[in-house]
Amino acid sequence: MVKDLDDLSRVAVIEIDESAAIIIEQIDDEITLSIASVVGVHFQVTAEQALKLSEALVIAAENAAKSRAST
């Protein structure tokens, strides 16, 4: 079975709740982030911006985990 292009480009779908999700797609050097909810938003970032975003999310997640563990 051959996947269509959308399936091949989709990197992740992160469900926030029943009505919202973050979708990350990538083809060649184009990275698209979509926030799907009642009002959808999408934007493209460069590889450098995507790395900064992922680093910031890692730091925030680590800090949140530490905070949760201390309470």
Protein backbone atom coordinates (compact mmCIF):
# COMPACT_ATOMS: atom_id res chain seq x y z
CA MET A 1 0.00 0.00 0.00
CA VAL A 2 1.42 3.38 -0.99
CA LYS A 3 1.04 6.25 1.44
CA ASP A 4 0.01 9.60 0.04
CA LEU A 5 2.37 12.57 0.33
CA ASP A 6 0.66 13.89 3.47
CA ASP A 7 1.39 10.66 5.33
CA LEU A 8 5.02 10.66 4.20
CA SER A 9 5.63 14.24 5.33
CA ARG A 10 3.93 14.01 8.73
CA VAL A 11 6.51 13.83 11.52
CA ALA A 12 4.20 14.00 14.55
CA VAL A 13 0.69 14.66 15.70
CA ILE A 14 0.56 15.71 19.34
CA GLU A 15 -2.95 15.73 20.71
CA ILE A 16 -3.56 18.46 23.28
CA ASP A 17 -7.13 17.49 24.06
CA GLU A 18 -10.21 16.32 22.17
CA SER A 19 -10.40 19.54 20.18
CA ALA A 20 -6.78 20.56 19.58
CA ALA A 21 -3.52 19.13 18.29
CA ILE A 22 -0.10 20.21 17.06
CA ILE A 23 0.93 18.70 13.73
CA ILE A 24 4.51 18.77 12.48
CA GLU A 25 5.26 18.06 8.82
CA GLN A 26 8.52 18.18 6.90
CA ILE A 27 9.40 17.91 3.22
CA ASP A 28 13.01 18.55 2.24
CA ASP A 29 14.00 21.75 4.07
CA GLU A 30 10.44 22.96 4.73
CA ILE A 31 9.09 22.37 8.24
CA THR A 32 5.47 23.24 8.92
CA LEU A 33 3.88 23.48 12.36
CA SER A 34 0.09 23.49 12.53
CA ILE A 35 -2.03 24.14 15.57
CA ALA A 36 -5.33 22.49 14.77
CA SER A 37 -8.26 23.59 16.88
CA VAL A 38 -11.47 25.51 16.43
CA VAL A 39 -9.32 28.14 14.70
CA GLY A 40 -6.40 26.53 12.87
CA VAL A 41 -2.99 28.20 12.63
CA HIS A 42 -0.02 27.06 10.61
CA PHE A 43 3.40 28.50 9.92
CA GLN A 44 6.72 27.42 8.47
CA VAL A 45 10.01 27.53 10.35
CA THR A 46 13.60 27.06 9.29
CA ALA A 47 15.67 24.12 10.51
CA GLU A 48 17.46 26.46 12.93
CA GLN A 49 14.16 27.74 14.33
CA ALA A 50 12.88 24.17 14.71
CA LEU A 51 16.00 23.24 16.69
CA LYS A 52 15.57 26.27 18.96
CA LEU A 53 11.90 25.37 19.47
CA SER A 54 12.73 21.77 20.35
CA GLU A 55 15.48 22.86 22.74
CA ALA A 56 13.11 25.28 24.46
CA LEU A 57 10.48 22.55 24.80
CA VAL A 58 13.04 20.16 26.32
CA ILE A 59 14.10 22.78 28.89
CA ALA A 60 10.49 23.60 29.77
CA ALA A 61 9.60 19.91 30.07
CA GLU A 62 12.59 19.22 32.32
CA ASN A 63 11.72 22.20 34.52
CA ALA A 64 8.08 21.09 34.74
CA ALA A 65 9.12 17.55 35.68
CA LYS A 66 11.42 18.89 38.42
CA SER A 67 8.66 21.11 39.74
CA ARG A 68 6.19 18.24 39.79
CA ALA A 69 8.70 15.99 41.57
CA SER A 70 9.37 18.58 44.28
CA THR A 71 5.71 18.98 45.24
